[in-house]
Amino acid sequence: MESFELFLNSYFLWRDPMIVGVVAGAVCGFLGVYVVLRRIIFVSAALTQISSLGVALTFYLGAYATGALSELIHPFVLSIALTALAALFFALKRDFSRISREGVIGFGFLAASGSVVIIGDRITQGAHDIANILFGSAVVVDPKDVFIIPAAALGVFFIHTIFYKDFIFVSFDEDSARLFKYPVRLLNTVLLVSIAVMVAVCTRALGALPVFAFLALPPLTALFVTERLKLVFALSIMLGVLSAALGYFFSFILSTPTGATMTVCAALFFVIGLAWREIKIS
């Protein structure tokens, strides 16, 4: 009880990071339904690591940049640029000769992950900054993120509201969509780039681990509970919000790493969903 009162009395400390975490959980939970149902979870993992690479590169290059160039090297810009380029590559390139698409995605994930660690070793601030990039700090966020992430989320929700039926059709019956002359490649590209943009802005604020967790675990949990698509979207959003809010709360109370605590909360919801499914079947 004392811990809860302390949490409430520290409102001025957790207000901004809680807003950022909850919005990120909601939008990633929504987009994660496409990620899971299209079976591109590994793509989202690769995108989070590539986004982390953009942030790490910003730290590294910022130490050498001077004058006007230093203003251009910004985590937001570089992270979005790299992640969007990767998303375009994965969306448009389908033929990789003798290498499977999964192999190329795996290469992107591993190359980006290794590069982040190597660059982190060269950054003056060292392991602490890289740990925040990979696993998430979210204890204190940039005040600009309180506006940037909700604005990006509103933009993504707006696009997905307009093209909802098109994205659903292309995602679940691509052959029929081609038969009906839908711009399949364009729709796939817009969908993947929208995911990439949110991955980039959320990873910069929260870290790669919780963002990947929000993209994968809430939709998986929702699919265990129901098969009605609209309900899956709604439940996934709710679970993303709860994972972020409860994760931050327990992180504050228990003094545990915030990003990892958010991830564990999402995992616990997944276990509950799995248990619900097993009880329902039996």
Protein backbone atom coordinates (compact mmCIF):
# COMPACT_ATOMS: atom_id res chain seq x y z
CA MET A 1 0.00 0.00 0.00
CA GLU A 2 2.84 2.39 0.84
CA SER A 3 4.46 1.58 -2.50
CA PHE A 4 1.24 2.36 -4.34
CA GLU A 5 0.91 5.68 -2.53
CA LEU A 6 4.52 6.48 -3.40
CA PHE A 7 3.75 5.70 -7.03
CA LEU A 8 0.72 8.02 -7.05
CA ASN A 9 2.64 10.79 -5.31
CA SER A 10 5.40 10.51 -7.95
CA TYR A 11 2.96 11.30 -10.76
CA PHE A 12 5.20 14.05 -12.14
CA LEU A 13 7.96 11.46 -12.69
CA TRP A 14 6.02 8.76 -14.51
CA ARG A 15 3.38 10.75 -16.41
CA ASP A 16 5.35 11.24 -19.64
CA PRO A 17 6.92 7.75 -19.87
CA MET A 18 3.56 6.17 -19.00
CA ILE A 19 1.87 8.08 -21.84
CA VAL A 20 4.59 7.02 -24.28
CA GLY A 21 4.50 3.39 -23.13
CA VAL A 22 0.71 3.09 -23.25
CA VAL A 23 0.44 4.66 -26.73
CA ALA A 24 3.27 2.44 -28.00
CA GLY A 25 1.60 -0.63 -26.49
CA ALA A 26 -1.73 0.25 -28.12
CA VAL A 27 -0.44 0.92 -31.63
CA CYS A 28 2.02 -1.98 -31.60
CA GLY A 29 -0.73 -4.27 -30.33
CA PHE A 30 -2.90 -3.17 -33.24
CA LEU A 31 -0.19 -3.54 -35.89
CA GLY A 32 0.95 -6.80 -34.31
CA VAL A 33 -2.25 -8.51 -35.46
CA TYR A 34 -1.06 -8.11 -39.05
CA VAL A 35 2.43 -9.19 -38.04
CA VAL A 36 1.18 -12.42 -36.45
CA LEU A 37 -1.49 -13.34 -38.99
CA ARG A 38 0.83 -12.69 -41.94
CA ARG A 39 3.50 -14.76 -40.16
CA ILE A 40 6.13 -12.03 -40.32
CA ILE A 41 7.05 -11.94 -36.63
CA PHE A 42 10.70 -12.38 -37.55
CA VAL A 43 10.41 -9.37 -39.88
CA SER A 44 9.26 -7.25 -36.93
CA ALA A 45 12.20 -8.57 -34.89
CA ALA A 46 14.59 -7.59 -37.67
CA LEU A 47 13.00 -4.13 -37.95
CA THR A 48 13.37 -3.46 -34.23
CA GLN A 49 17.07 -4.32 -34.37
CA ILE A 50 17.61 -2.22 -37.51
CA SER A 51 15.87 0.66 -35.74
CA SER A 52 18.19 0.14 -32.77
CA LEU A 53 21.13 0.28 -35.18
CA GLY A 54 19.92 3.68 -36.37
CA VAL A 55 19.83 4.98 -32.79
CA ALA A 56 23.26 3.52 -32.00
CA LEU A 57 24.73 5.05 -35.17
CA THR A 58 23.37 8.42 -34.10
CA PHE A 59 25.24 8.20 -30.79
CA TYR A 60 28.42 7.15 -32.59
CA LEU A 61 28.34 9.68 -35.45
CA GLY A 62 27.23 12.47 -33.13
CA ALA A 63 30.58 12.31 -31.36
CA TYR A 64 32.36 13.21 -34.61
CA ALA A 65 29.86 15.59 -36.23
CA THR A 66 30.23 19.33 -35.87
CA GLY A 67 28.25 22.41 -36.87
CA ALA A 68 25.18 21.98 -39.11
CA LEU A 69 25.96 18.30 -39.66
CA SER A 70 25.39 17.56 -35.98
CA GLU A 71 21.84 18.90 -36.29
CA LEU A 72 21.09 16.46 -39.11
CA ILE A 73 22.25 13.41 -37.16
CA HIS A 74 19.21 12.73 -35.04
CA PRO A 75 18.01 9.39 -33.63
CA PHE A 76 14.49 9.98 -34.93
CA VAL A 77 15.59 10.66 -38.50
CA LEU A 78 18.24 7.98 -38.85
CA SER A 79 16.19 5.31 -37.12
CA ILE A 80 13.13 5.91 -39.33
CA ALA A 81 15.26 6.10 -42.48
CA LEU A 82 17.00 2.76 -41.89
CA THR A 83 13.85 0.99 -40.73
CA ALA A 84 11.74 2.29 -43.63
CA LEU A 85 14.42 1.27 -46.15
CA ALA A 86 14.52 -2.22 -44.64
CA ALA A 87 10.72 -2.45 -44.76
CA LEU A 88 10.70 -1.39 -48.41
CA PHE A 89 13.34 -3.99 -49.19
CA PHE A 90 11.40 -6.79 -47.47
CA ALA A 91 8.13 -5.68 -49.11
CA LEU A 92 9.38 -5.26 -52.67
CA LYS A 93 12.11 -7.86 -52.96
CA ARG A 94 10.79 -11.40 -53.14
CA ASP A 95 13.39 -13.29 -55.14
CA PHE A 96 16.66 -13.86 -53.28
CA SER A 97 18.13 -16.44 -55.66
CA ARG A 98 19.13 -19.54 -53.66
CA ILE A 99 18.60 -17.91 -50.27
CA SER A 100 15.12 -18.04 -48.73
CA ARG A 101 13.36 -14.86 -47.67
CA GLU A 102 13.56 -16.02 -44.06
CA GLY A 103 17.32 -16.42 -44.46
CA VAL A 104 17.70 -12.82 -45.64
CA ILE A 105 15.52 -11.55 -42.78
CA GLY A 106 17.63 -13.59 -40.36
CA PHE A 107 20.75 -12.03 -41.84
CA GLY A 108 19.30 -8.53 -41.32
CA PHE A 109 18.38 -9.31 -37.72
CA LEU A 110 21.77 -10.79 -36.82
CA ALA A 111 23.84 -8.21 -38.71
CA ALA A 112 21.95 -5.33 -37.08
CA SER A 113 22.15 -6.91 -33.61
CA GLY A 114 25.89 -7.49 -33.90
CA SER A 115 26.49 -4.00 -35.26
CA VAL A 116 24.60 -2.41 -32.35
CA VAL A 117 26.78 -4.21 -29.82
CA ILE A 118 30.02 -3.33 -31.68
CA ILE A 119 29.04 0.32 -32.07
CA GLY A 120 28.03 0.38 -28.42
CA ASP A 121 31.51 -0.70 -27.47
CA ARG A 122 32.83 2.36 -29.29
CA ILE A 123 30.40 4.86 -27.80
CA THR A 124 31.77 6.99 -24.98
CA GLN A 125 28.67 6.49 -22.88
CA GLY A 126 29.21 2.75 -23.29
CA ALA A 127 27.11 -0.18 -22.25
CA HIS A 128 24.42 1.81 -20.44
CA ASP A 129 23.13 3.52 -23.61
CA ILE A 130 23.19 0.30 -25.61
CA ALA A 131 21.36 -1.56 -22.85
CA ASN A 132 18.67 1.10 -23.02
CA ILE A 133 18.44 0.76 -26.80
CA LEU A 134 18.18 -3.03 -26.72
CA PHE A 135 16.10 -3.62 -23.61
CA GLY A 136 14.40 -0.28 -23.05
CA SER A 137 14.73 2.30 -20.33
CA ALA A 138 11.43 4.23 -20.52
CA VAL A 139 12.13 5.53 -17.01
CA VAL A 140 12.65 8.98 -18.45
CA VAL A 141 11.65 9.83 -22.02
CA ASP A 142 12.39 12.79 -24.21
CA PRO A 143 9.55 15.31 -23.73
CA LYS A 144 9.22 15.44 -27.51
CA ASP A 145 8.26 11.75 -27.55
CA VAL A 146 5.07 12.61 -25.68
CA PHE A 147 3.97 14.38 -28.86
CA ILE A 148 5.86 12.46 -31.56
CA ILE A 149 4.66 8.96 -30.69
CA PRO A 150 0.93 9.84 -30.28
CA ALA A 151 1.11 11.88 -33.52
CA ALA A 152 2.70 8.96 -35.39
CA ALA A 153 0.13 6.59 -33.85
CA LEU A 154 -2.76 8.81 -34.99
CA GLY A 155 -1.30 8.91 -38.50
CA VAL A 156 -0.99 5.12 -38.60
CA PHE A 157 -4.52 4.60 -37.25
CA PHE A 158 -5.84 7.08 -39.83
CA ILE A 159 -4.18 5.21 -42.71
CA HIS A 160 -5.37 1.85 -41.40
CA THR A 161 -8.92 3.13 -40.96
CA ILE A 162 -9.05 4.21 -44.61
CA PHE A 163 -7.46 1.04 -46.00
CA TYR A 164 -8.70 -1.43 -43.36
CA LYS A 165 -10.65 -3.67 -45.76
CA ASP A 166 -7.88 -3.51 -48.36
CA PHE A 167 -5.18 -4.49 -45.86
CA ILE A 168 -7.34 -7.34 -44.54
CA PHE A 169 -8.09 -8.64 -48.04
CA VAL A 170 -4.47 -8.48 -49.17
CA SER A 171 -3.21 -9.99 -45.92
CA PHE A 172 -5.47 -13.03 -45.94
CA ASP A 173 -6.14 -13.74 -49.60
CA GLU A 174 -3.38 -12.24 -51.72
CA ASP A 175 -4.15 -14.41 -54.77
CA SER A 176 -7.78 -13.27 -54.88
CA ALA A 177 -6.68 -9.67 -54.37
CA ARG A 178 -4.44 -9.97 -57.43
CA LEU A 179 -7.31 -11.50 -59.38
CA PHE A 180 -9.50 -8.52 -58.52
CA LYS A 181 -6.72 -6.15 -59.67
CA TYR A 182 -5.84 -4.84 -56.21
CA PRO A 183 -2.47 -3.04 -56.01
CA VAL A 184 -1.12 -5.84 -53.83
CA ARG A 185 2.52 -4.77 -53.82
CA LEU A 186 1.65 -1.16 -53.02
CA LEU A 187 -0.70 -2.15 -50.18
CA ASN A 188 1.86 -4.55 -48.74
CA THR A 189 4.48 -1.81 -48.91
CA VAL A 190 2.27 0.78 -47.19
CA LEU A 191 1.38 -1.76 -44.48
CA LEU A 192 4.98 -2.75 -43.81
CA VAL A 193 6.26 0.84 -43.91
CA SER A 194 3.58 1.91 -41.40
CA ILE A 195 4.78 -0.86 -39.10
CA ALA A 196 8.40 0.21 -39.69
CA VAL A 197 7.70 3.86 -38.81
CA MET A 198 6.04 2.94 -35.52
CA VAL A 199 8.81 0.46 -34.73
CA ALA A 200 11.38 3.21 -35.28
CA VAL A 201 9.74 5.89 -33.13
CA CYS A 202 8.80 3.45 -30.35
CA THR A 203 12.19 1.70 -30.28
CA ARG A 204 13.97 5.02 -29.84
CA ALA A 205 11.86 5.75 -26.77
CA LEU A 206 11.34 2.32 -25.20
CA GLY A 207 13.99 0.00 -26.65
CA ALA A 208 13.89 -2.94 -29.05
CA LEU A 209 12.83 -5.65 -26.58
CA PRO A 210 9.50 -4.18 -25.36
CA VAL A 211 8.54 -3.01 -28.86
CA PHE A 212 9.08 -6.49 -30.27
CA ALA A 213 7.10 -7.91 -27.33
CA PHE A 214 4.17 -5.54 -27.98
CA LEU A 215 4.13 -6.53 -31.66
CA ALA A 216 4.11 -10.27 -30.98
CA LEU A 217 2.62 -11.21 -27.60
CA PRO A 218 -0.66 -9.21 -27.33
CA PRO A 219 -1.96 -10.37 -30.75
CA LEU A 220 -0.91 -13.96 -30.05
CA THR A 221 -2.76 -13.80 -26.73
CA ALA A 222 -5.84 -12.27 -28.38
CA LEU A 223 -5.90 -15.07 -30.97
CA PHE A 224 -5.90 -17.64 -28.16
CA VAL A 225 -8.99 -15.99 -26.66
CA THR A 226 -11.10 -15.30 -29.77
CA GLU A 227 -11.20 -15.83 -33.54
CA ARG A 228 -13.38 -12.81 -34.33
CA LEU A 229 -11.05 -10.45 -36.15
CA LYS A 230 -12.41 -7.13 -34.86
CA LEU A 231 -12.36 -8.48 -31.32
CA VAL A 232 -8.78 -9.70 -31.86
CA PHE A 233 -7.73 -6.15 -32.80
CA ALA A 234 -9.54 -4.63 -29.80
CA LEU A 235 -8.20 -7.20 -27.34
CA SER A 236 -4.65 -6.92 -28.69
CA ILE A 237 -4.73 -3.14 -28.24
CA MET A 238 -6.05 -3.53 -24.68
CA LEU A 239 -3.36 -6.09 -23.80
CA GLY A 240 -0.65 -3.86 -25.26
CA VAL A 241 -1.87 -0.97 -23.10
CA LEU A 242 -2.08 -3.13 -19.97
CA SER A 243 1.38 -4.65 -20.57
CA ALA A 244 2.91 -1.19 -20.86
CA ALA A 245 1.05 0.34 -17.90
CA LEU A 246 1.49 -2.58 -15.52
CA GLY A 247 5.08 -3.07 -16.68
CA TYR A 248 5.94 0.50 -15.84
CA PHE A 249 4.09 0.30 -12.50
CA PHE A 250 5.88 -2.86 -11.34
CA SER A 251 9.18 -1.52 -12.66
CA PHE A 252 8.71 1.58 -10.52
CA ILE A 253 7.66 -0.37 -7.42
CA LEU A 254 10.22 -3.19 -7.70
CA SER A 255 13.08 -1.12 -9.21
CA THR A 256 13.44 -3.51 -12.15
CA PRO A 257 14.42 -2.63 -15.75
CA THR A 258 11.35 -1.03 -17.34
CA GLY A 259 11.52 -2.51 -20.83
CA ALA A 260 12.11 -6.02 -19.53
CA THR A 261 9.27 -5.69 -16.99
CA MET A 262 6.87 -4.60 -19.75
CA THR A 263 7.96 -7.62 -21.77
CA VAL A 264 7.40 -10.00 -18.85
CA CYS A 265 3.91 -8.55 -18.27
CA ALA A 266 3.06 -9.18 -21.93
CA ALA A 267 4.44 -12.72 -21.58
CA LEU A 268 2.29 -13.34 -18.48
CA PHE A 269 -0.82 -12.29 -20.41
CA PHE A 270 0.26 -14.72 -23.13
CA VAL A 271 0.47 -17.56 -20.58
CA ILE A 272 -3.00 -16.64 -19.27
CA GLY A 273 -4.36 -16.65 -22.82
CA LEU A 274 -2.77 -20.03 -23.50
CA ALA A 275 -4.28 -21.44 -20.30
CA TRP A 276 -7.69 -20.02 -21.27
CA ARG A 277 -7.41 -21.73 -24.65
CA GLU A 278 -6.53 -25.06 -23.09
CA ILE A 279 -9.41 -24.83 -20.60
CA LYS A 280 -11.82 -23.87 -23.38
CA ILE A 281 -10.76 -26.80 -25.58
CA SER A 282 -10.96 -29.33 -22.74
